[in-house]
Amino acid sequence: MSLSNARSDNQGFTLIETLVIVVIIGILSAIATPSLLGMLNRNKVSNALDQTQGALQEAQREAMRKSQQCTVTLDTTNSKVTSPCLSTGTRTLPSGIAIATNLPSSTVTFSFRGNTTNSGKIVVYDLNDSNQQKRCLVISNGLGIMRTGKYSGSTTSTSITDNNCDTSS
């Protein structure tokens, strides 16, 4: 069979078929984009909370290891966690992330035993997220035990309460 006798049914896609596929892909991506952006914002807030908790736990361990008092300062204006006990000294949270707390002077002090007399809540949230998904970190008085959860209240320091921080999940 020569090439001239071959069937010429398969000539590729028509312009209409290609446009239909492009429109379908566009619609699917328009549907999926908000979900993807929401997931990225939730992950950003969760990572910032993990960084904050990690800094506090590192300071607590260093206080016990060095047998000396260690103070951690939360800079709510610049979204930073600062302490001379941290290996890097300062941990800056990702841009667009804010910290709110009801801790006195925005500080947590750990004794040489890892205990703390400061109890309070730290709320981490994304300033750019319209849903403002918020996460909270609760530090208990005495042993300095930390729990994390989802926060549903206001982020002003006077309104941060236990009732708005659900640590059961």
C-alpha atoms as a PDB file:
ATOM      1  CA  MET A   1       0.000   0.000   0.000  1.00  0.00           C
ATOM      2  CA  SER A   2       1.524   3.261  -1.055  1.00  0.00           C
ATOM      3  CA  LEU A   3       1.394   6.505   0.902  1.00  0.00           C
ATOM      4  CA  SER A   4      -0.923   8.058  -1.650  1.00  0.00           C
ATOM      5  CA  ASN A   5      -3.535   5.366  -0.936  1.00  0.00           C
ATOM      6  CA  ALA A   6      -3.404   5.896   2.885  1.00  0.00           C
ATOM      7  CA  ARG A   7      -6.559   7.203   4.549  1.00  0.00           C
ATOM      8  CA  SER A   8      -6.516  10.864   5.385  1.00  0.00           C
ATOM      9  CA  ASP A   9      -9.221  10.812   8.082  1.00  0.00           C
ATOM     10  CA  ASN A  10      -6.799  11.803  10.877  1.00  0.00           C
ATOM     11  CA  GLN A  11      -5.905  15.391  10.095  1.00  0.00           C
ATOM     12  CA  GLY A  12      -5.659  16.722  13.716  1.00  0.00           C
ATOM     13  CA  PHE A  13      -7.987  18.876  15.775  1.00  0.00           C
ATOM     14  CA  THR A  14     -10.134  21.613  14.341  1.00  0.00           C
ATOM     15  CA  LEU A  15     -10.024  25.142  15.680  1.00  0.00           C
ATOM     16  CA  ILE A  16     -13.447  24.712  17.302  1.00  0.00           C
ATOM     17  CA  GLU A  17     -12.370  21.539  19.130  1.00  0.00           C
ATOM     18  CA  THR A  18      -9.243  23.268  20.435  1.00  0.00           C
ATOM     19  CA  LEU A  19     -11.233  26.296  21.633  1.00  0.00           C
ATOM     20  CA  VAL A  20     -13.736  24.059  23.449  1.00  0.00           C
ATOM     21  CA  ILE A  21     -10.891  22.329  25.303  1.00  0.00           C
ATOM     22  CA  VAL A  22      -9.299  25.689  26.246  1.00  0.00           C
ATOM     23  CA  VAL A  23     -12.651  26.979  27.567  1.00  0.00           C
ATOM     24  CA  ILE A  24     -13.195  23.807  29.627  1.00  0.00           C
ATOM     25  CA  ILE A  25      -9.702  24.081  31.125  1.00  0.00           C
ATOM     26  CA  GLY A  26     -10.341  27.765  31.900  1.00  0.00           C
ATOM     27  CA  ILE A  27     -13.606  27.006  33.696  1.00  0.00           C
ATOM     28  CA  LEU A  28     -12.033  24.203  35.746  1.00  0.00           C
ATOM     29  CA  SER A  29      -9.113  26.415  36.783  1.00  0.00           C
ATOM     30  CA  ALA A  30     -11.504  29.251  37.742  1.00  0.00           C
ATOM     31  CA  ILE A  31     -13.368  26.825  39.994  1.00  0.00           C
ATOM     32  CA  ALA A  32     -10.206  25.371  41.567  1.00  0.00           C
ATOM     33  CA  THR A  33      -8.219  28.606  42.121  1.00  0.00           C
ATOM     34  CA  PRO A  34     -10.119  29.941  45.194  1.00  0.00           C
ATOM     35  CA  SER A  35      -9.823  26.575  46.942  1.00  0.00           C
ATOM     36  CA  LEU A  36      -6.117  26.421  46.188  1.00  0.00           C
ATOM     37  CA  LEU A  37      -5.518  29.976  47.429  1.00  0.00           C
ATOM     38  CA  GLY A  38      -7.497  29.266  50.612  1.00  0.00           C
ATOM     39  CA  MET A  39      -5.427  26.164  51.257  1.00  0.00           C
ATOM     40  CA  LEU A  40      -2.198  28.115  50.729  1.00  0.00           C
ATOM     41  CA  ASN A  41      -3.345  30.810  53.191  1.00  0.00           C
ATOM     42  CA  ARG A  42      -4.293  28.184  55.802  1.00  0.00           C
ATOM     43  CA  ASN A  43      -0.878  26.543  55.398  1.00  0.00           C
ATOM     44  CA  LYS A  44       0.845  29.919  55.721  1.00  0.00           C
ATOM     45  CA  VAL A  45      -0.967  30.622  59.013  1.00  0.00           C
ATOM     46  CA  SER A  46      -0.293  27.095  60.318  1.00  0.00           C
ATOM     47  CA  ASN A  47       3.413  27.376  59.460  1.00  0.00           C
ATOM     48  CA  ALA A  48       3.630  30.748  61.208  1.00  0.00           C
ATOM     49  CA  LEU A  49       1.997  29.253  64.310  1.00  0.00           C
ATOM     50  CA  ASP A  50       4.418  26.319  64.172  1.00  0.00           C
ATOM     51  CA  GLN A  51       7.348  28.775  63.954  1.00  0.00           C
ATOM     52  CA  THR A  52       6.053  30.700  66.957  1.00  0.00           C
ATOM     53  CA  GLN A  53       5.488  27.548  69.001  1.00  0.00           C
ATOM     54  CA  GLY A  54       8.898  26.215  67.972  1.00  0.00           C
ATOM     55  CA  ALA A  55      10.599  29.430  69.123  1.00  0.00           C
ATOM     56  CA  LEU A  56       8.851  29.258  72.506  1.00  0.00           C
ATOM     57  CA  GLN A  57       9.725  25.597  72.957  1.00  0.00           C
ATOM     58  CA  GLU A  58      13.340  26.224  71.966  1.00  0.00           C
ATOM     59  CA  ALA A  59      13.581  29.041  74.524  1.00  0.00           C
ATOM     60  CA  GLN A  60      12.011  26.802  77.166  1.00  0.00           C
ATOM     61  CA  ARG A  61      14.527  24.009  76.440  1.00  0.00           C
ATOM     62  CA  GLU A  62      17.450  26.450  76.471  1.00  0.00           C
ATOM     63  CA  ALA A  63      16.331  27.841  79.833  1.00  0.00           C
ATOM     64  CA  MET A  64      16.401  24.318  81.278  1.00  0.00           C
ATOM     65  CA  ARG A  65      19.631  23.363  79.519  1.00  0.00           C
ATOM     66  CA  LYS A  66      21.538  26.469  80.644  1.00  0.00           C
ATOM     67  CA  SER A  67      19.807  26.606  84.059  1.00  0.00           C
ATOM     68  CA  GLN A  68      18.931  30.252  83.601  1.00  0.00           C
ATOM     69  CA  GLN A  69      15.866  32.373  83.004  1.00  0.00           C
ATOM     70  CA  CYS A  70      14.905  32.987  79.392  1.00  0.00           C
ATOM     71  CA  THR A  71      12.490  35.625  78.080  1.00  0.00           C
ATOM     72  CA  VAL A  72      10.782  35.577  74.681  1.00  0.00           C
ATOM     73  CA  THR A  73       9.318  38.796  73.264  1.00  0.00           C
ATOM     74  CA  LEU A  74       6.523  38.815  70.694  1.00  0.00           C
ATOM     75  CA  ASP A  75       6.762  41.862  68.445  1.00  0.00           C
ATOM     76  CA  THR A  76       3.132  42.266  67.365  1.00  0.00           C
ATOM     77  CA  THR A  77       3.963  45.263  65.176  1.00  0.00           C
ATOM     78  CA  ASN A  78       6.613  43.568  63.014  1.00  0.00           C
ATOM     79  CA  SER A  79       5.478  39.926  63.426  1.00  0.00           C
ATOM     80  CA  LYS A  80       8.721  38.780  65.046  1.00  0.00           C
ATOM     81  CA  VAL A  81       9.606  36.445  67.904  1.00  0.00           C
ATOM     82  CA  THR A  82      12.792  37.561  69.658  1.00  0.00           C
ATOM     83  CA  SER A  83      14.895  36.054  72.421  1.00  0.00           C
ATOM     84  CA  PRO A  84      18.614  35.795  73.206  1.00  0.00           C
ATOM     85  CA  CYS A  85      17.931  32.104  73.922  1.00  0.00           C
ATOM     86  CA  LEU A  86      17.000  31.344  70.302  1.00  0.00           C
ATOM     87  CA  SER A  87      19.709  30.045  68.002  1.00  0.00           C
ATOM     88  CA  THR A  88      18.920  32.772  65.451  1.00  0.00           C
ATOM     89  CA  GLY A  89      17.976  35.440  68.016  1.00  0.00           C
ATOM     90  CA  THR A  90      14.934  36.537  66.016  1.00  0.00           C
ATOM     91  CA  ARG A  91      12.382  34.652  64.001  1.00  0.00           C
ATOM     92  CA  THR A  92      10.466  36.734  61.489  1.00  0.00           C
ATOM     93  CA  LEU A  93       7.116  35.347  60.389  1.00  0.00           C
ATOM     94  CA  PRO A  94       6.168  35.381  56.688  1.00  0.00           C
ATOM     95  CA  SER A  95       4.907  38.647  55.211  1.00  0.00           C
ATOM     96  CA  GLY A  96       1.203  39.268  55.622  1.00  0.00           C
ATOM     97  CA  ILE A  97       1.071  37.316  58.885  1.00  0.00           C
ATOM     98  CA  ALA A  98       0.133  39.135  62.096  1.00  0.00           C
ATOM     99  CA  ILE A  99       0.447  38.200  65.771  1.00  0.00           C
ATOM    100  CA  ALA A 100      -1.933  39.260  68.536  1.00  0.00           C
ATOM    101  CA  THR A 101      -1.591  38.301  72.191  1.00  0.00           C
ATOM    102  CA  ASN A 102      -3.034  38.937  75.612  1.00  0.00           C
ATOM    103  CA  LEU A 103       0.274  38.197  77.353  1.00  0.00           C
ATOM    104  CA  PRO A 104       1.456  40.998  79.662  1.00  0.00           C
ATOM    105  CA  SER A 105       4.095  43.074  77.833  1.00  0.00           C
ATOM    106  CA  SER A 106       3.901  40.508  74.992  1.00  0.00           C
ATOM    107  CA  THR A 107       6.580  38.446  76.745  1.00  0.00           C
ATOM    108  CA  VAL A 108       6.910  34.908  78.061  1.00  0.00           C
ATOM    109  CA  THR A 109       9.564  34.182  80.662  1.00  0.00           C
ATOM    110  CA  PHE A 110      10.719  30.628  81.340  1.00  0.00           C
ATOM    111  CA  SER A 111      12.523  29.770  84.578  1.00  0.00           C
ATOM    112  CA  PHE A 112      15.524  27.443  84.765  1.00  0.00           C
ATOM    113  CA  ARG A 113      13.016  24.612  85.285  1.00  0.00           C
ATOM    114  CA  GLY A 114      11.031  25.476  82.138  1.00  0.00           C
ATOM    115  CA  ASN A 115       8.141  26.846  84.185  1.00  0.00           C
ATOM    116  CA  THR A 116       6.436  30.134  83.457  1.00  0.00           C
ATOM    117  CA  THR A 117       4.357  32.568  85.457  1.00  0.00           C
ATOM    118  CA  ASN A 118       2.922  34.029  82.249  1.00  0.00           C
ATOM    119  CA  SER A 119      -0.215  32.424  80.948  1.00  0.00           C
ATOM    120  CA  GLY A 120      -2.002  33.656  77.886  1.00  0.00           C
ATOM    121  CA  LYS A 121      -2.906  33.232  74.299  1.00  0.00           C
ATOM    122  CA  ILE A 122      -1.150  34.062  71.061  1.00  0.00           C
ATOM    123  CA  VAL A 123      -3.231  34.420  67.889  1.00  0.00           C
ATOM    124  CA  VAL A 124      -1.649  34.154  64.436  1.00  0.00           C
ATOM    125  CA  TYR A 125      -3.636  35.206  61.374  1.00  0.00           C
ATOM    126  CA  ASP A 126      -3.253  36.253  57.738  1.00  0.00           C
ATOM    127  CA  LEU A 127      -3.938  39.943  57.092  1.00  0.00           C
ATOM    128  CA  ASN A 128      -4.613  39.319  53.385  1.00  0.00           C
ATOM    129  CA  ASP A 129      -7.157  36.521  53.827  1.00  0.00           C
ATOM    130  CA  SER A 130     -10.727  37.761  53.567  1.00  0.00           C
ATOM    131  CA  ASN A 131     -11.927  34.827  55.685  1.00  0.00           C
ATOM    132  CA  GLN A 132      -9.172  35.598  58.196  1.00  0.00           C
ATOM    133  CA  GLN A 133      -8.499  32.030  59.235  1.00  0.00           C
ATOM    134  CA  LYS A 134      -6.900  32.354  62.680  1.00  0.00           C
ATOM    135  CA  ARG A 135      -4.901  29.919  64.810  1.00  0.00           C
ATOM    136  CA  CYS A 136      -4.154  30.222  68.512  1.00  0.00           C
ATOM    137  CA  LEU A 137      -1.483  29.040  70.929  1.00  0.00           C
ATOM    138  CA  VAL A 138      -2.321  28.754  74.630  1.00  0.00           C
ATOM    139  CA  ILE A 139       0.478  28.811  77.210  1.00  0.00           C
ATOM    140  CA  SER A 140      -0.495  27.461  80.614  1.00  0.00           C
ATOM    141  CA  ASN A 141       0.588  29.020  83.869  1.00  0.00           C
ATOM    142  CA  GLY A 142       3.075  26.981  85.869  1.00  0.00           C
ATOM    143  CA  LEU A 143       4.462  24.204  83.713  1.00  0.00           C
ATOM    144  CA  GLY A 144       4.461  26.205  80.491  1.00  0.00           C
ATOM    145  CA  ILE A 145       2.525  23.587  78.550  1.00  0.00           C
ATOM    146  CA  MET A 146       1.477  24.778  75.084  1.00  0.00           C
ATOM    147  CA  ARG A 147      -1.618  23.824  73.097  1.00  0.00           C
ATOM    148  CA  THR A 148      -2.685  24.980  69.648  1.00  0.00           C
ATOM    149  CA  GLY A 149      -6.097  25.329  68.096  1.00  0.00           C
ATOM    150  CA  LYS A 150      -8.423  27.357  65.901  1.00  0.00           C
ATOM    151  CA  TYR A 151      -9.380  30.848  66.970  1.00  0.00           C
ATOM    152  CA  SER A 152     -12.766  32.430  66.261  1.00  0.00           C
ATOM    153  CA  GLY A 153     -12.781  35.775  68.076  1.00  0.00           C
ATOM    154  CA  SER A 154     -11.438  39.284  67.775  1.00  0.00           C
ATOM    155  CA  THR A 155      -7.695  39.896  67.690  1.00  0.00           C
ATOM    156  CA  THR A 156      -7.585  42.889  70.031  1.00  0.00           C
ATOM    157  CA  SER A 157      -5.525  42.042  73.109  1.00  0.00           C
ATOM    158  CA  THR A 158      -8.396  42.727  75.532  1.00  0.00           C
ATOM    159  CA  SER A 159     -10.809  40.378  73.746  1.00  0.00           C
ATOM    160  CA  ILE A 160      -8.552  37.311  73.350  1.00  0.00           C
ATOM    161  CA  THR A 161     -10.118  34.690  75.658  1.00  0.00           C
ATOM    162  CA  ASP A 162     -10.238  30.936  76.235  1.00  0.00           C
ATOM    163  CA  ASN A 163     -13.778  30.810  74.890  1.00  0.00           C
ATOM    164  CA  ASN A 164     -12.589  31.721  71.390  1.00  0.00           C
ATOM    165  CA  CYS A 165      -9.714  29.238  71.183  1.00  0.00           C
ATOM    166  CA  ASP A 166     -10.788  25.684  70.345  1.00  0.00           C
ATOM    167  CA  THR A 167      -7.854  23.394  71.156  1.00  0.00           C
ATOM    168  CA  SER A 168      -9.853  20.171  70.932  1.00  0.00           C
ATOM    169  CA  SER A 169      -9.123  19.595  67.229  1.00  0.00           C
END
